[in-house]
Amino acid sequence: MLREAYAHPAVEGIILWGFWELGMARGDAHLIDAEGDINEVGKRFLSLKKEWLTETAGSVDQDGEFRFGGFQGTYRVEVARGSKTVVKMLLVDKGELPVVLSLQL
């Protein structure tokens, strides 16, 4: 269900209302048990969250471009050339593609 919601263009975000066994009204809705251990549902949720993270590395092409597939959100971009490193934040907004980040090294 989370995958379908996450992929739907009308969904702006997903909120989990509670996660700890002793803080949930429903007995089967928790991700962490009373002792603080992550249960199977919690492990599946963390795996899904990791699947949705975008981490990539590479080099720019002959036109000075680097292309990647990612989700909406804010990205930390680190570009290194020789001994110089530049770090910038890049916002990928809904429907605004391609996103161009200009850097001066």
PDB file of N, CA and C in Angstrom:
ATOM      1  N   MET A   1       0.816  -1.187   0.000  1.00  0.00           N
ATOM      2  CA  MET A   1       0.000   0.000   0.000  1.00  0.00           C
ATOM      3  C   MET A   1       0.864   1.256   0.000  1.00  0.00           C
ATOM      4  N   LEU A   2       1.970   1.253   0.740  1.00  0.00           N
ATOM      5  CA  LEU A   2       2.831   2.432   0.769  1.00  0.00           C
ATOM      6  C   LEU A   2       3.432   2.721  -0.599  1.00  0.00           C
ATOM      7  N   ARG A   3       3.808   1.681  -1.340  1.00  0.00           N
ATOM      8  CA  ARG A   3       4.366   1.890  -2.683  1.00  0.00           C
ATOM      9  C   ARG A   3       3.352   2.577  -3.594  1.00  0.00           C
ATOM     10  N   GLU A   4       2.124   2.122  -3.568  1.00  0.00           N
ATOM     11  CA  GLU A   4       1.093   2.716  -4.413  1.00  0.00           C
ATOM     12  C   GLU A   4       0.857   4.167  -4.028  1.00  0.00           C
ATOM     13  N   ALA A   5       0.786   4.441  -2.741  1.00  0.00           N
ATOM     14  CA  ALA A   5       0.587   5.819  -2.287  1.00  0.00           C
ATOM     15  C   ALA A   5       1.767   6.694  -2.682  1.00  0.00           C
ATOM     16  N   TYR A   6       2.971   6.203  -2.476  1.00  0.00           N
ATOM     17  CA  TYR A   6       4.181   6.975  -2.774  1.00  0.00           C
ATOM     18  C   TYR A   6       4.281   7.298  -4.263  1.00  0.00           C
ATOM     19  N   ALA A   7       3.836   6.393  -5.113  1.00  0.00           N
ATOM     20  CA  ALA A   7       3.933   6.582  -6.554  1.00  0.00           C
ATOM     21  C   ALA A   7       2.809   7.437  -7.130  1.00  0.00           C
ATOM     22  N   HIS A   8       1.736   7.633  -6.383  1.00  0.00           N
ATOM     23  CA  HIS A   8       0.591   8.365  -6.918  1.00  0.00           C
ATOM     24  C   HIS A   8       0.894   9.858  -6.984  1.00  0.00           C
ATOM     25  N   PRO A   9       0.630  10.519  -8.118  1.00  0.00           N
ATOM     26  CA  PRO A   9       0.975  11.931  -8.270  1.00  0.00           C
ATOM     27  C   PRO A   9       0.229  12.879  -7.330  1.00  0.00           C
ATOM     28  N   ALA A  10      -0.911  12.470  -6.802  1.00  0.00           N
ATOM     29  CA  ALA A  10      -1.667  13.339  -5.903  1.00  0.00           C
ATOM     30  C   ALA A  10      -1.165  13.286  -4.461  1.00  0.00           C
ATOM     31  N   VAL A  11      -0.317  12.315  -4.142  1.00  0.00           N
ATOM     32  CA  VAL A  11       0.170  12.167  -2.766  1.00  0.00           C
ATOM     33  C   VAL A  11       1.320  13.139  -2.524  1.00  0.00           C
ATOM     34  N   GLU A  12       1.183  13.959  -1.499  1.00  0.00           N
ATOM     35  CA  GLU A  12       2.205  14.946  -1.136  1.00  0.00           C
ATOM     36  C   GLU A  12       3.168  14.407  -0.086  1.00  0.00           C
ATOM     37  N   GLY A  13       2.747  13.437   0.685  1.00  0.00           N
ATOM     38  CA  GLY A  13       3.599  12.877   1.726  1.00  0.00           C
ATOM     39  C   GLY A  13       2.892  11.735   2.437  1.00  0.00           C
ATOM     40  N   ILE A  14       3.649  11.044   3.252  1.00  0.00           N
ATOM     41  CA  ILE A  14       3.116   9.920   4.022  1.00  0.00           C
ATOM     42  C   ILE A  14       3.499  10.137   5.475  1.00  0.00           C
ATOM     43  N   ILE A  15       2.528  10.044   6.369  1.00  0.00           N
ATOM     44  CA  ILE A  15       2.773  10.230   7.796  1.00  0.00           C
ATOM     45  C   ILE A  15       2.492   8.920   8.519  1.00  0.00           C
ATOM     46  N   LEU A  16       3.418   8.502   9.354  1.00  0.00           N
ATOM     47  CA  LEU A  16       3.171   7.352  10.223  1.00  0.00           C
ATOM     48  C   LEU A  16       2.696   7.889  11.562  1.00  0.00           C
ATOM     49  N   TRP A  17       1.550   7.422  11.991  1.00  0.00           N
ATOM     50  CA  TRP A  17       0.973   7.902  13.237  1.00  0.00           C
ATOM     51  C   TRP A  17       1.325   6.910  14.335  1.00  0.00           C
ATOM     52  N   GLY A  18       2.460   7.091  14.917  1.00  0.00           N
ATOM     53  CA  GLY A  18       2.919   6.191  15.961  1.00  0.00           C
ATOM     54  C   GLY A  18       3.724   5.042  15.391  1.00  0.00           C
ATOM     55  N   PHE A  19       4.502   4.416  16.237  1.00  0.00           N
ATOM     56  CA  PHE A  19       5.335   3.303  15.773  1.00  0.00           C
ATOM     57  C   PHE A  19       5.644   2.316  16.890  1.00  0.00           C
ATOM     58  N   TRP A  20       5.504   2.733  18.157  1.00  0.00           N
ATOM     59  CA  TRP A  20       5.894   1.920  19.305  1.00  0.00           C
ATOM     60  C   TRP A  20       4.715   1.096  19.795  1.00  0.00           C
ATOM     61  N   GLU A  21       4.931  -0.154  20.108  1.00  0.00           N
ATOM     62  CA  GLU A  21       3.872  -1.080  20.516  1.00  0.00           C
ATOM     63  C   GLU A  21       3.010  -0.528  21.651  1.00  0.00           C
ATOM     64  N   LEU A  22       3.634   0.071  22.653  1.00  0.00           N
ATOM     65  CA  LEU A  22       2.863   0.548  23.807  1.00  0.00           C
ATOM     66  C   LEU A  22       2.154   1.869  23.548  1.00  0.00           C
ATOM     67  N   GLY A  23       2.403   2.477  22.396  1.00  0.00           N
ATOM     68  CA  GLY A  23       1.753   3.745  22.090  1.00  0.00           C
ATOM     69  C   GLY A  23       0.720   3.644  20.985  1.00  0.00           C
ATOM     70  N   MET A  24       0.357   2.430  20.610  1.00  0.00           N
ATOM     71  CA  MET A  24      -0.573   2.233  19.502  1.00  0.00           C
ATOM     72  C   MET A  24      -1.919   1.731  20.008  1.00  0.00           C
ATOM     73  N   ALA A  25      -2.986   2.228  19.395  1.00  0.00           N
ATOM     74  CA  ALA A  25      -4.321   1.769  19.752  1.00  0.00           C
ATOM     75  C   ALA A  25      -4.577   0.370  19.185  1.00  0.00           C
ATOM     76  N   ARG A  26      -4.056   0.096  17.986  1.00  0.00           N
ATOM     77  CA  ARG A  26      -4.208  -1.222  17.369  1.00  0.00           C
ATOM     78  C   ARG A  26      -3.012  -2.078  17.738  1.00  0.00           C
ATOM     79  N   GLY A  27      -3.249  -3.288  18.126  1.00  0.00           N
ATOM     80  CA  GLY A  27      -2.182  -4.170  18.572  1.00  0.00           C
ATOM     81  C   GLY A  27      -1.224  -4.630  17.490  1.00  0.00           C
ATOM     82  N   ASP A  28      -1.645  -4.547  16.221  1.00  0.00           N
ATOM     83  CA  ASP A  28      -0.789  -5.043  15.138  1.00  0.00           C
ATOM     84  C   ASP A  28      -0.221  -3.924  14.261  1.00  0.00           C
ATOM     85  N   ALA A  29      -0.267  -2.697  14.739  1.00  0.00           N
ATOM     86  CA  ALA A  29       0.129  -1.566  13.900  1.00  0.00           C
ATOM     87  C   ALA A  29       1.515  -1.013  14.221  1.00  0.00           C
ATOM     88  N   HIS A  30       2.213  -1.613  15.161  1.00  0.00           N
ATOM     89  CA  HIS A  30       3.500  -1.054  15.590  1.00  0.00           C
ATOM     90  C   HIS A  30       4.667  -1.557  14.743  1.00  0.00           C
ATOM     91  N   LEU A  31       5.754  -0.774  14.739  1.00  0.00           N
ATOM     92  CA  LEU A  31       6.992  -1.129  14.046  1.00  0.00           C
ATOM     93  C   LEU A  31       8.071  -1.553  15.034  1.00  0.00           C
ATOM     94  N   ILE A  32       7.915  -1.104  16.276  1.00  0.00           N
ATOM     95  CA  ILE A  32       8.885  -1.397  17.340  1.00  0.00           C
ATOM     96  C   ILE A  32       8.125  -1.972  18.524  1.00  0.00           C
ATOM     97  N   ASP A  33       8.613  -3.081  19.082  1.00  0.00           N
ATOM     98  CA  ASP A  33       7.912  -3.712  20.199  1.00  0.00           C
ATOM     99  C   ASP A  33       8.175  -2.979  21.515  1.00  0.00           C
ATOM    100  N   ALA A  34       7.542  -3.452  22.572  1.00  0.00           N
ATOM    101  CA  ALA A  34       7.635  -2.798  23.884  1.00  0.00           C
ATOM    102  C   ALA A  34       9.060  -2.746  24.419  1.00  0.00           C
ATOM    103  N   GLU A  35       9.904  -3.667  23.995  1.00  0.00           N
ATOM    104  CA  GLU A  35      11.302  -3.701  24.456  1.00  0.00           C
ATOM    105  C   GLU A  35      12.210  -2.809  23.610  1.00  0.00           C
ATOM    106  N   GLY A  36      11.655  -2.201  22.553  1.00  0.00           N
ATOM    107  CA  GLY A  36      12.449  -1.328  21.694  1.00  0.00           C
ATOM    108  C   GLY A  36      13.082  -2.015  20.507  1.00  0.00           C
ATOM    109  N   ASP A  37      12.697  -3.266  20.249  1.00  0.00           N
ATOM    110  CA  ASP A  37      13.250  -4.010  19.116  1.00  0.00           C
ATOM    111  C   ASP A  37      12.373  -3.811  17.878  1.00  0.00           C
ATOM    112  N   ILE A  38      13.003  -3.684  16.735  1.00  0.00           N
ATOM    113  CA  ILE A  38      12.273  -3.525  15.482  1.00  0.00           C
ATOM    114  C   ILE A  38      11.683  -4.878  15.084  1.00  0.00           C
ATOM    115  N   ASN A  39      10.370  -4.899  14.840  1.00  0.00           N
ATOM    116  CA  ASN A  39       9.718  -6.151  14.443  1.00  0.00           C
ATOM    117  C   ASN A  39       9.800  -6.336  12.922  1.00  0.00           C
ATOM    118  N   GLU A  40       9.195  -7.387  12.403  1.00  0.00           N
ATOM    119  CA  GLU A  40       9.267  -7.682  10.963  1.00  0.00           C
ATOM    120  C   GLU A  40       8.652  -6.570  10.121  1.00  0.00           C
ATOM    121  N   VAL A  41       7.535  -6.011  10.587  1.00  0.00           N
ATOM    122  CA  VAL A  41       6.905  -4.909   9.851  1.00  0.00           C
ATOM    123  C   VAL A  41       7.842  -3.707   9.828  1.00  0.00           C
ATOM    124  N   GLY A  42       8.468  -3.420  10.943  1.00  0.00           N
ATOM    125  CA  GLY A  42       9.432  -2.326  11.008  1.00  0.00           C
ATOM    126  C   GLY A  42      10.610  -2.548  10.077  1.00  0.00           C
ATOM    127  N   LYS A  43      11.084  -3.788   9.998  1.00  0.00           N
ATOM    128  CA  LYS A  43      12.199  -4.109   9.090  1.00  0.00           C
ATOM    129  C   LYS A  43      11.790  -3.907   7.633  1.00  0.00           C
ATOM    130  N   ARG A  44      10.556  -4.302   7.305  1.00  0.00           N
ATOM    131  CA  ARG A  44      10.076  -4.096   5.932  1.00  0.00           C
ATOM    132  C   ARG A  44       9.933  -2.610   5.623  1.00  0.00           C
ATOM    133  N   PHE A  45       9.461  -1.832   6.608  1.00  0.00           N
ATOM    134  CA  PHE A  45       9.340  -0.390   6.408  1.00  0.00           C
ATOM    135  C   PHE A  45      10.710   0.247   6.183  1.00  0.00           C
ATOM    136  N   LEU A  46      11.699  -0.122   6.993  1.00  0.00           N
ATOM    137  CA  LEU A  46      13.048   0.434   6.831  1.00  0.00           C
ATOM    138  C   LEU A  46      13.650   0.047   5.484  1.00  0.00           C
ATOM    139  N   SER A  47      13.378  -1.165   5.033  1.00  0.00           N
ATOM    140  CA  SER A  47      13.861  -1.607   3.726  1.00  0.00           C
ATOM    141  C   SER A  47      13.234  -0.779   2.607  1.00  0.00           C
ATOM    142  N   LEU A  48      11.945  -0.518   2.729  1.00  0.00           N
ATOM    143  CA  LEU A  48      11.242   0.295   1.744  1.00  0.00           C
ATOM    144  C   LEU A  48      11.769   1.725   1.752  1.00  0.00           C
ATOM    145  N   LYS A  49      11.993   2.265   2.932  1.00  0.00           N
ATOM    146  CA  LYS A  49      12.537   3.627   3.040  1.00  0.00           C
ATOM    147  C   LYS A  49      13.914   3.704   2.383  1.00  0.00           C
ATOM    148  N   LYS A  50      14.727   2.691   2.587  1.00  0.00           N
ATOM    149  CA  LYS A  50      16.057   2.653   1.969  1.00  0.00           C
ATOM    150  C   LYS A  50      15.936   2.577   0.446  1.00  0.00           C
ATOM    151  N   GLU A  51      14.951   1.817  -0.030  1.00  0.00           N
ATOM    152  CA  GLU A  51      14.708   1.696  -1.469  1.00  0.00           C
ATOM    153  C   GLU A  51      14.374   3.055  -2.081  1.00  0.00           C
ATOM    154  N   TRP A  52      13.701   3.908  -1.314  1.00  0.00           N
ATOM    155  CA  TRP A  52      13.281   5.210  -1.814  1.00  0.00           C
ATOM    156  C   TRP A  52      14.372   6.275  -1.731  1.00  0.00           C
ATOM    157  N   LEU A  53      15.463   5.993  -1.063  1.00  0.00           N
ATOM    158  CA  LEU A  53      16.562   6.955  -0.989  1.00  0.00           C
ATOM    159  C   LEU A  53      17.353   6.904  -2.289  1.00  0.00           C
ATOM    160  N   THR A  54      17.873   8.042  -2.684  1.00  0.00           N
ATOM    161  CA  THR A  54      18.666   8.106  -3.904  1.00  0.00           C
ATOM    162  C   THR A  54      20.097   8.453  -3.540  1.00  0.00           C
ATOM    163  N   GLU A  55      20.987   7.548  -3.848  1.00  0.00           N
ATOM    164  CA  GLU A  55      22.410   7.803  -3.647  1.00  0.00           C
ATOM    165  C   GLU A  55      23.120   7.326  -4.898  1.00  0.00           C
ATOM    166  N   THR A  56      23.872   8.207  -5.508  1.00  0.00           N
ATOM    167  CA  THR A  56      24.542   7.852  -6.754  1.00  0.00           C
ATOM    168  C   THR A  56      25.881   8.566  -6.847  1.00  0.00           C
ATOM    169  N   ALA A  57      26.726   8.072  -7.694  1.00  0.00           N
ATOM    170  CA  ALA A  57      28.032   8.690  -7.926  1.00  0.00           C
ATOM    171  C   ALA A  57      28.379   8.506  -9.392  1.00  0.00           C
ATOM    172  N   GLY A  58      29.215   9.383  -9.913  1.00  0.00           N
ATOM    173  CA  GLY A  58      29.620   9.265 -11.303  1.00  0.00           C
ATOM    174  C   GLY A  58      30.418  10.468 -11.736  1.00  0.00           C
ATOM    175  N   SER A  59      30.583  10.587 -13.022  1.00  0.00           N
ATOM    176  CA  SER A  59      31.343  11.691 -13.606  1.00  0.00           C
ATOM    177  C   SER A  59      30.468  12.434 -14.603  1.00  0.00           C
ATOM    178  N   VAL A  60      30.789  13.710 -14.830  1.00  0.00           N
ATOM    179  CA  VAL A  60      30.056  14.481 -15.833  1.00  0.00           C
ATOM    180  C   VAL A  60      30.472  14.004 -17.219  1.00  0.00           C
ATOM    181  N   ASP A  61      29.577  14.184 -18.177  1.00  0.00           N
ATOM    182  CA  ASP A  61      29.890  13.787 -19.547  1.00  0.00           C
ATOM    183  C   ASP A  61      30.652  14.900 -20.262  1.00  0.00           C
ATOM    184  N   GLN A  62      30.842  14.767 -21.577  1.00  0.00           N
ATOM    185  CA  GLN A  62      31.617  15.752 -22.330  1.00  0.00           C
ATOM    186  C   GLN A  62      30.951  17.120 -22.368  1.00  0.00           C
ATOM    187  N   ASP A  63      29.640  17.185 -22.102  1.00  0.00           N
ATOM    188  CA  ASP A  63      28.925  18.460 -22.049  1.00  0.00           C
ATOM    189  C   ASP A  63      28.880  19.038 -20.640  1.00  0.00           C
ATOM    190  N   GLY A  64      29.531  18.358 -19.698  1.00  0.00           N
ATOM    191  CA  GLY A  64      29.535  18.827 -18.314  1.00  0.00           C
ATOM    192  C   GLY A  64      28.266  18.490 -17.565  1.00  0.00           C
ATOM    193  N   GLU A  65      27.530  17.480 -18.035  1.00  0.00           N
ATOM    194  CA  GLU A  65      26.270  17.099 -17.399  1.00  0.00           C
ATOM    195  C   GLU A  65      26.398  15.754 -16.704  1.00  0.00           C
ATOM    196  N   PHE A  66      25.649  15.626 -15.618  1.00  0.00           N
ATOM    197  CA  PHE A  66      25.529  14.356 -14.904  1.00  0.00           C
ATOM    198  C   PHE A  66      24.046  14.112 -14.707  1.00  0.00           C
ATOM    199  N   ARG A  67      23.550  13.023 -15.204  1.00  0.00           N
ATOM    200  CA  ARG A  67      22.116  12.713 -15.115  1.00  0.00           C
ATOM    201  C   ARG A  67      21.900  11.537 -14.165  1.00  0.00           C
ATOM    202  N   PHE A  68      20.815  11.625 -13.411  1.00  0.00           N
ATOM    203  CA  PHE A  68      20.455  10.531 -12.513  1.00  0.00           C
ATOM    204  C   PHE A  68      18.951  10.510 -12.352  1.00  0.00           C
ATOM    205  N   GLY A  69      18.417   9.377 -11.951  1.00  0.00           N
ATOM    206  CA  GLY A  69      16.998   9.246 -11.660  1.00  0.00           C
ATOM    207  C   GLY A  69      16.798   9.338 -10.157  1.00  0.00           C
ATOM    208  N   GLY A  70      15.901  10.198  -9.754  1.00  0.00           N
ATOM    209  CA  GLY A  70      15.661  10.359  -8.326  1.00  0.00           C
ATOM    210  C   GLY A  70      14.226  10.760  -8.052  1.00  0.00           C
ATOM    211  N   PHE A  71      13.909  10.881  -6.798  1.00  0.00           N
ATOM    212  CA  PHE A  71      12.577  11.269  -6.366  1.00  0.00           C
ATOM    213  C   PHE A  71      12.553  12.751  -6.029  1.00  0.00           C
ATOM    214  N   GLN A  72      11.360  13.295  -5.846  1.00  0.00           N
ATOM    215  CA  GLN A  72      11.224  14.665  -5.357  1.00  0.00           C
ATOM    216  C   GLN A  72      11.926  14.778  -4.021  1.00  0.00           C
ATOM    217  N   GLY A  73      12.413  15.961  -3.727  1.00  0.00           N
ATOM    218  CA  GLY A  73      13.034  16.177  -2.432  1.00  0.00           C
ATOM    219  C   GLY A  73      14.290  17.014  -2.545  1.00  0.00           C
ATOM    220  N   THR A  74      14.987  17.116  -1.448  1.00  0.00           N
ATOM    221  CA  THR A  74      16.217  17.892  -1.381  1.00  0.00           C
ATOM    222  C   THR A  74      17.404  16.942  -1.396  1.00  0.00           C
ATOM    223  N   TYR A  75      18.360  17.245  -2.236  1.00  0.00           N
ATOM    224  CA  TYR A  75      19.553  16.423  -2.387  1.00  0.00           C
ATOM    225  C   TYR A  75      20.789  17.208  -1.976  1.00  0.00           C
ATOM    226  N   ARG A  76      21.708  16.528  -1.364  1.00  0.00           N
ATOM    227  CA  ARG A  76      23.025  17.093  -1.067  1.00  0.00           C
ATOM    228  C   ARG A  76      23.939  16.630  -2.194  1.00  0.00           C
ATOM    229  N   VAL A  77      24.473  17.600  -2.932  1.00  0.00           N
ATOM    230  CA  VAL A  77      25.326  17.297  -4.079  1.00  0.00           C
ATOM    231  C   VAL A  77      26.753  17.689  -3.723  1.00  0.00           C
ATOM    232  N   GLU A  78      27.656  16.757  -3.874  1.00  0.00           N
ATOM    233  CA  GLU A  78      29.072  17.003  -3.600  1.00  0.00           C
ATOM    234  C   GLU A  78      29.851  16.750  -4.886  1.00  0.00           C
ATOM    235  N   VAL A  79      30.541  17.789  -5.343  1.00  0.00           N
ATOM    236  CA  VAL A  79      31.313  17.694  -6.580  1.00  0.00           C
ATOM    237  C   VAL A  79      32.776  17.925  -6.249  1.00  0.00           C
ATOM    238  N   ALA A  80      33.623  17.004  -6.698  1.00  0.00           N
ATOM    239  CA  ALA A  80      35.061  17.107  -6.429  1.00  0.00           C
ATOM    240  C   ALA A  80      35.819  17.156  -7.746  1.00  0.00           C
ATOM    241  N   ARG A  81      36.790  18.029  -7.776  1.00  0.00           N
ATOM    242  CA  ARG A  81      37.691  18.117  -8.934  1.00  0.00           C
ATOM    243  C   ARG A  81      39.075  18.439  -8.407  1.00  0.00           C
ATOM    244  N   GLY A  82      39.963  17.494  -8.552  1.00  0.00           N
ATOM    245  CA  GLY A  82      41.299  17.681  -7.992  1.00  0.00           C
ATOM    246  C   GLY A  82      41.208  17.796  -6.484  1.00  0.00           C
ATOM    247  N   SER A  83      41.763  18.852  -5.936  1.00  0.00           N
ATOM    248  CA  SER A  83      41.733  19.054  -4.485  1.00  0.00           C
ATOM    249  C   SER A  83      40.553  19.907  -4.039  1.00  0.00           C
ATOM    250  N   LYS A  84      39.715  20.367  -4.975  1.00  0.00           N
ATOM    251  CA  LYS A  84      38.565  21.219  -4.642  1.00  0.00           C
ATOM    252  C   LYS A  84      37.291  20.389  -4.542  1.00  0.00           C
ATOM    253  N   THR A  85      36.491  20.701  -3.545  1.00  0.00           N
ATOM    254  CA  THR A  85      35.186  20.069  -3.375  1.00  0.00           C
ATOM    255  C   THR A  85      34.153  21.153  -3.125  1.00  0.00           C
ATOM    256  N   VAL A  86      33.044  21.078  -3.841  1.00  0.00           N
ATOM    257  CA  VAL A  86      31.938  22.014  -3.666  1.00  0.00           C
ATOM    258  C   VAL A  86      30.718  21.206  -3.228  1.00  0.00           C
ATOM    259  N   VAL A  87      30.023  21.685  -2.197  1.00  0.00           N
ATOM    260  CA  VAL A  87      28.806  21.033  -1.713  1.00  0.00           C
ATOM    261  C   VAL A  87      27.648  22.008  -1.886  1.00  0.00           C
ATOM    262  N   LYS A  88      26.589  21.564  -2.535  1.00  0.00           N
ATOM    263  CA  LYS A  88      25.396  22.387  -2.748  1.00  0.00           C
ATOM    264  C   LYS A  88      24.165  21.544  -2.446  1.00  0.00           C
ATOM    265  N   MET A  89      23.081  22.222  -2.138  1.00  0.00           N
ATOM    266  CA  MET A  89      21.794  21.559  -1.962  1.00  0.00           C
ATOM    267  C   MET A  89      20.990  21.759  -3.245  1.00  0.00           C
ATOM    268  N   LEU A  90      20.295  20.720  -3.667  1.00  0.00           N
ATOM    269  CA  LEU A  90      19.518  20.742  -4.900  1.00  0.00           C
ATOM    270  C   LEU A  90      18.094  20.311  -4.582  1.00  0.00           C
ATOM    271  N   LEU A  91      17.116  21.132  -4.965  1.00  0.00           N
ATOM    272  CA  LEU A  91      15.710  20.814  -4.738  1.00  0.00           C
ATOM    273  C   LEU A  91      15.103  20.285  -6.031  1.00  0.00           C
ATOM    274  N   VAL A  92      14.551  19.085  -5.972  1.00  0.00           N
ATOM    275  CA  VAL A  92      13.819  18.513  -7.097  1.00  0.00           C
ATOM    276  C   VAL A  92      12.343  18.620  -6.744  1.00  0.00           C
ATOM    277  N   ASP A  93      11.657  19.508  -7.453  1.00  0.00           N
ATOM    278  CA  ASP A  93      10.249  19.763  -7.183  1.00  0.00           C
ATOM    279  C   ASP A  93       9.363  18.939  -8.108  1.00  0.00           C
ATOM    280  N   LYS A  94       8.117  18.815  -7.751  1.00  0.00           N
ATOM    281  CA  LYS A  94       7.151  18.050  -8.533  1.00  0.00           C
ATOM    282  C   LYS A  94       7.006  18.660  -9.930  1.00  0.00           C
ATOM    283  N   GLY A  95       7.216  17.842 -10.943  1.00  0.00           N
ATOM    284  CA  GLY A  95       6.975  18.265 -12.311  1.00  0.00           C
ATOM    285  C   GLY A  95       8.013  19.188 -12.927  1.00  0.00           C
ATOM    286  N   GLU A  96       9.075  19.516 -12.229  1.00  0.00           N
ATOM    287  CA  GLU A  96      10.077  20.431 -12.766  1.00  0.00           C
ATOM    288  C   GLU A  96      11.329  19.657 -13.172  1.00  0.00           C
ATOM    289  N   LEU A  97      11.323  19.153 -14.403  1.00  0.00           N
ATOM    290  CA  LEU A  97      12.462  18.385 -14.890  1.00  0.00           C
ATOM    291  C   LEU A  97      12.882  18.902 -16.252  1.00  0.00           C
ATOM    292  N   PRO A  98      14.099  18.896 -16.626  1.00  0.00           N
ATOM    293  CA  PRO A  98      15.246  18.540 -15.781  1.00  0.00           C
ATOM    294  C   PRO A  98      15.593  19.657 -14.805  1.00  0.00           C
ATOM    295  N   VAL A  99      16.301  19.315 -13.773  1.00  0.00           N
ATOM    296  CA  VAL A  99      16.795  20.284 -12.801  1.00  0.00           C
ATOM    297  C   VAL A  99      18.261  20.531 -13.117  1.00  0.00           C
ATOM    298  N   VAL A 100      18.637  21.798 -13.181  1.00  0.00           N
ATOM    299  CA  VAL A 100      20.013  22.152 -13.517  1.00  0.00           C
ATOM    300  C   VAL A 100      20.656  22.822 -12.315  1.00  0.00           C
ATOM    301  N   LEU A 101      21.816  22.358 -11.962  1.00  0.00           N
ATOM    302  CA  LEU A 101      22.600  22.940 -10.871  1.00  0.00           C
ATOM    303  C   LEU A 101      23.916  23.417 -11.468  1.00  0.00           C
ATOM    304  N   SER A 102      24.152  24.725 -11.406  1.00  0.00           N
ATOM    305  CA  SER A 102      25.397  25.284 -11.937  1.00  0.00           C
ATOM    306  C   SER A 102      26.414  25.406 -10.820  1.00  0.00           C
ATOM    307  N   LEU A 103      27.630  24.999 -11.103  1.00  0.00           N
ATOM    308  CA  LEU A 103      28.709  25.046 -10.110  1.00  0.00           C
ATOM    309  C   LEU A 103      29.926  25.740 -10.692  1.00  0.00           C
ATOM    310  N   GLN A 104      30.607  26.470  -9.858  1.00  0.00           N
ATOM    311  CA  GLN A 104      31.874  27.079 -10.228  1.00  0.00           C
ATOM    312  C   GLN A 104      32.955  26.441  -9.374  1.00  0.00           C
ATOM    313  N   LEU A 105      33.864  25.720  -9.993  1.00  0.00           N
ATOM    314  CA  LEU A 105      34.945  25.075  -9.248  1.00  0.00           C
ATOM    315  C   LEU A 105      36.196  25.911  -9.296  1.00  0.00           C
TER     316      LEU A 105
END
